[in-house]
Amino acid sequence: MRKKFNKQLFFSIFFFLLFMGAVAANELDLFKSLTTTQVVMAKDVIEKDTVITNENVWIFQMPNELVTDEMYRNVNDVVGKTATQVILPSQYVSAKALDQSLLRPTAEHEFFPIPNAWLVEIQGTLRRYDQVNISAIYAGKQDAAEVTFNSSLIKSEYILEQVPVAYVKGSRNEEVTGLQSGDDRLYGTQNPSNIQLSLTLENFKVLEKLYMEGYKFVISN
């Protein structure tokens, strides 16, 4: 005689197995892996110009909705790179906080000092590792202090864009940094007196030619 199917027993076993599976998944952090993404964070304060080691960083499981593309996921992607700004404890490490080899001389790029006579001024907010745009304003034979910002005298497009700043130094030949912290732009340790940019020789010649034609330059970031 055919046995009657026991629905109650079947559902009891089914839900028991489902419960045990959920418990096991929770113990193994399977749910967490679906709702979070690992992100590289700073353990302690990482000062500007620090070469990052494994001791400086740790992995944090961040909720997926808070994760952005600029966050590093793998420790190996940041170890060995140099911090270009202060990274605070438990702050995620981003690409903009690390030297992306922009300031390492290559076969094409070199560090060129820009003569002060070429510039309208050197802004006190500029810092090493900045990426700046360069505008040209016709000055004729005027000194930099006499140049007026008449829109008709300014070239309509940037002469150069996203140029890495290699050095900003003061009169004592020391790097200009923020007085309160490495990324403080309101109060500098000293006034900048000279600047070096990472340029190709062709870039530098473009600036030189424009200067000879009567232009001076404004650096903005």
Protein backbone atom coordinates (compact mmCIF):
# COMPACT_ATOMS: atom_id res chain seq x y z
CA MET A 1 0.00 0.00 0.00
CA ARG A 2 1.39 3.42 -0.97
CA LYS A 3 2.45 5.59 2.00
CA LYS A 4 0.78 8.98 2.35
CA PHE A 5 3.17 11.93 1.81
CA ASN A 6 3.74 13.72 5.12
CA LYS A 7 3.79 17.42 4.19
CA GLN A 8 4.27 18.56 7.78
CA LEU A 9 7.38 16.42 8.20
CA PHE A 10 8.75 17.56 4.83
CA PHE A 11 8.36 21.28 5.60
CA SER A 12 9.78 20.78 9.09
CA ILE A 13 12.92 19.20 7.68
CA PHE A 14 13.11 21.79 4.87
CA PHE A 15 12.94 24.78 7.22
CA PHE A 16 15.33 23.13 9.67
CA LEU A 17 17.90 22.65 6.90
CA LEU A 18 17.29 26.24 5.69
CA PHE A 19 17.86 27.53 9.22
CA MET A 20 21.06 25.51 9.62
CA GLY A 21 22.29 26.81 6.26
CA ALA A 22 21.63 30.40 7.33
CA VAL A 23 23.50 29.82 10.60
CA ALA A 24 26.45 28.32 8.75
CA ALA A 25 26.49 31.16 6.21
CA ASN A 26 26.46 33.71 9.00
CA GLU A 27 29.32 31.96 10.82
CA LEU A 28 31.36 31.91 7.62
CA ASP A 29 30.53 35.58 6.86
CA LEU A 30 28.99 34.60 3.53
CA PHE A 31 26.28 37.25 3.86
CA LYS A 32 28.87 39.87 4.76
CA SER A 33 30.84 39.13 1.62
CA LEU A 34 27.73 39.84 -0.45
CA THR A 35 26.92 43.17 1.20
CA THR A 36 30.41 44.60 1.78
CA THR A 37 33.62 45.27 -0.16
CA GLN A 38 37.12 45.26 1.26
CA VAL A 39 38.77 48.69 1.28
CA VAL A 40 42.32 49.71 2.24
CA MET A 41 42.38 52.02 5.29
CA ALA A 42 45.12 53.81 7.21
CA LYS A 43 45.99 52.31 10.63
CA ASP A 44 47.52 55.48 12.04
CA VAL A 45 48.36 58.91 10.67
CA ILE A 46 50.31 58.56 7.43
CA GLU A 47 52.33 61.73 6.93
CA LYS A 48 52.97 63.29 3.55
CA ASP A 49 56.02 61.78 1.75
CA THR A 50 55.74 58.52 3.74
CA VAL A 51 56.52 55.40 1.71
CA ILE A 52 53.62 53.14 2.64
CA THR A 53 54.30 49.69 4.10
CA ASN A 54 52.02 46.88 5.27
CA GLU A 55 52.32 48.31 8.80
CA ASN A 56 50.56 51.52 7.72
CA VAL A 57 47.34 50.01 6.37
CA TRP A 58 44.61 47.45 7.05
CA ILE A 59 41.56 46.00 5.30
CA PHE A 60 38.06 47.12 6.28
CA GLN A 61 34.82 45.54 5.05
CA MET A 62 32.83 48.58 3.94
CA PRO A 63 29.11 48.45 3.07
CA ASN A 64 28.71 48.32 -0.69
CA GLU A 65 26.60 51.47 -0.82
CA LEU A 66 29.49 53.52 0.64
CA VAL A 67 32.20 52.21 -1.68
CA THR A 68 33.46 54.49 -4.47
CA ASP A 69 35.73 53.86 -7.46
CA GLU A 70 38.60 55.88 -5.95
CA MET A 71 39.02 53.48 -3.02
CA TYR A 72 41.76 50.86 -3.19
CA ARG A 73 40.68 47.24 -2.62
CA ASN A 74 44.08 45.55 -2.43
CA VAL A 75 46.94 46.33 -0.03
CA ASN A 76 49.50 45.46 -2.71
CA ASP A 77 48.22 48.37 -4.81
CA VAL A 78 49.34 50.93 -2.19
CA VAL A 79 52.40 49.38 -0.52
CA GLY A 80 55.57 51.00 -1.83
CA LYS A 81 53.87 54.19 -3.01
CA THR A 82 54.47 57.62 -1.48
CA ALA A 83 51.72 59.59 0.25
CA THR A 84 51.21 63.00 -1.34
CA GLN A 85 49.08 64.26 1.57
CA VAL A 86 48.28 63.41 5.17
CA ILE A 87 46.03 60.33 5.49
CA LEU A 88 44.20 60.15 8.82
CA PRO A 89 43.58 56.98 10.88
CA SER A 90 40.68 54.89 9.50
CA GLN A 91 40.57 57.04 6.36
CA TYR A 92 40.42 55.11 3.12
CA VAL A 93 43.43 55.34 0.80
CA SER A 94 42.64 56.88 -2.58
CA ALA A 95 44.61 57.38 -5.76
CA LYS A 96 44.74 61.14 -5.26
CA ALA A 97 46.52 60.61 -1.92
CA LEU A 98 49.39 58.68 -3.51
CA ASP A 99 52.19 59.55 -5.91
CA GLN A 100 51.17 57.99 -9.23
CA SER A 101 54.72 58.36 -10.58
CA LEU A 102 53.85 61.79 -11.98
CA LEU A 103 56.91 63.29 -10.37
CA ARG A 104 59.42 60.70 -11.37
CA PRO A 105 61.49 61.96 -14.31
CA THR A 106 61.04 59.94 -17.47
CA ALA A 107 62.62 59.94 -20.90
CA GLU A 108 60.14 62.70 -21.83
CA HIS A 109 59.35 64.60 -18.63
CA GLU A 110 61.88 66.62 -16.65
CA PHE A 111 61.67 69.15 -13.83
CA PHE A 112 61.84 72.68 -15.25
CA PRO A 113 62.20 75.73 -13.00
CA ILE A 114 59.82 78.44 -14.19
CA PRO A 115 61.44 81.91 -14.04
CA ASN A 116 59.51 84.30 -11.84
CA ALA A 117 59.65 86.86 -14.65
CA TRP A 118 57.36 84.57 -16.64
CA LEU A 119 54.67 84.51 -13.97
CA VAL A 120 52.09 87.05 -12.89
CA GLU A 121 52.57 85.61 -9.40
CA ILE A 122 53.08 82.32 -7.54
CA GLN A 123 49.96 81.60 -5.51
CA GLY A 124 50.59 80.82 -1.87
CA THR A 125 48.11 77.94 -2.06
CA LEU A 126 50.22 75.89 -4.46
CA ARG A 127 51.81 72.74 -3.08
CA ARG A 128 54.04 69.98 -4.41
CA TYR A 129 52.06 67.16 -6.08
CA ASP A 130 49.34 69.55 -7.26
CA GLN A 131 48.25 69.27 -10.88
CA VAL A 132 47.78 72.72 -12.33
CA ASN A 133 46.51 74.47 -15.44
CA ILE A 134 48.45 77.30 -17.08
CA SER A 135 46.79 80.36 -18.62
CA ALA A 136 48.55 83.06 -20.65
CA ILE A 137 47.80 86.80 -20.41
CA TYR A 138 49.33 89.37 -22.72
CA ALA A 139 51.53 91.71 -20.71
CA GLY A 140 53.75 93.32 -23.33
CA LYS A 141 56.64 94.97 -21.49
CA GLN A 142 54.78 95.37 -18.20
CA ASP A 143 56.15 94.02 -14.96
CA ALA A 144 54.12 91.22 -13.38
CA ALA A 145 52.75 93.57 -10.70
CA GLU A 146 51.34 95.86 -13.41
CA VAL A 147 49.48 93.17 -15.37
CA THR A 148 45.72 93.71 -15.43
CA PHE A 149 43.30 90.83 -15.92
CA ASN A 150 41.51 92.14 -18.97
CA SER A 151 39.62 89.22 -20.50
CA SER A 152 40.53 90.37 -24.01
CA LEU A 153 44.21 89.87 -23.18
CA ILE A 154 43.84 86.31 -21.86
CA LYS A 155 44.11 83.41 -24.27
CA SER A 156 40.75 81.64 -24.37
CA GLU A 157 42.16 78.17 -23.66
CA TYR A 158 44.66 76.82 -21.16
CA ILE A 159 48.16 76.66 -22.59
CA LEU A 160 48.87 73.47 -20.63
CA GLU A 161 46.59 71.36 -18.43
CA GLN A 162 47.09 68.94 -15.54
CA VAL A 163 50.77 69.74 -15.15
CA PRO A 164 52.35 68.17 -12.03
CA VAL A 165 54.05 70.55 -9.61
CA ALA A 166 57.43 69.05 -8.74
CA TYR A 167 58.53 71.65 -6.18
CA VAL A 168 57.30 74.86 -4.58
CA LYS A 169 60.08 76.45 -2.55
CA GLY A 170 60.51 79.55 -0.43
CA SER A 171 63.39 82.01 -0.20
CA ARG A 172 65.31 79.62 2.09
CA ASN A 173 65.16 76.89 -0.58
CA GLU A 174 62.81 74.84 1.61
CA GLU A 175 59.59 73.24 0.45
CA VAL A 176 56.47 75.31 1.12
CA THR A 177 53.98 73.26 3.15
CA GLY A 178 50.87 73.99 5.17
CA LEU A 179 51.54 75.51 8.58
CA GLN A 180 48.87 73.48 10.39
CA SER A 181 49.12 70.28 8.30
CA GLY A 182 50.55 69.00 5.05
CA ASP A 183 47.43 69.87 3.09
CA ASP A 184 46.69 73.22 4.79
CA ARG A 185 46.46 75.85 2.03
CA LEU A 186 45.32 78.80 4.12
CA TYR A 187 48.55 79.23 6.08
CA GLY A 188 51.89 78.27 4.54
CA THR A 189 55.19 77.79 6.32
CA GLN A 190 56.61 80.54 4.08
CA ASN A 191 55.81 82.47 0.93
CA PRO A 192 56.66 80.62 -2.29
CA SER A 193 59.47 82.19 -4.30
CA ASN A 194 60.10 79.62 -7.04
CA ILE A 195 58.32 76.72 -8.66
CA GLN A 196 59.35 73.72 -10.73
CA LEU A 197 56.98 71.89 -13.05
CA SER A 198 57.16 68.43 -14.61
CA LEU A 199 57.19 69.19 -18.34
CA THR A 200 58.39 67.86 -21.64
CA LEU A 201 60.97 69.95 -23.47
CA GLU A 202 58.27 70.78 -26.03
CA ASN A 203 55.97 72.06 -23.24
CA PHE A 204 58.74 74.28 -21.90
CA LYS A 205 59.47 75.68 -25.35
CA VAL A 206 55.78 76.56 -25.77
CA LEU A 207 55.93 78.65 -22.61
CA GLU A 208 59.24 80.21 -23.62
CA LYS A 209 57.90 81.21 -27.05
CA LEU A 210 54.80 82.83 -25.56
CA TYR A 211 56.87 84.71 -23.01
CA MET A 212 59.08 86.08 -25.81
CA GLU A 213 55.88 87.23 -27.54
CA GLY A 214 54.90 89.27 -24.47
CA TYR A 215 52.78 86.82 -22.47
CA LYS A 216 52.99 86.00 -18.77
CA PHE A 217 51.43 83.03 -17.07
CA VAL A 218 48.90 82.33 -14.37
CA ILE A 219 49.02 78.94 -12.65
CA SER A 220 45.72 77.69 -11.26
CA ASN A 221 44.66 74.55 -9.42
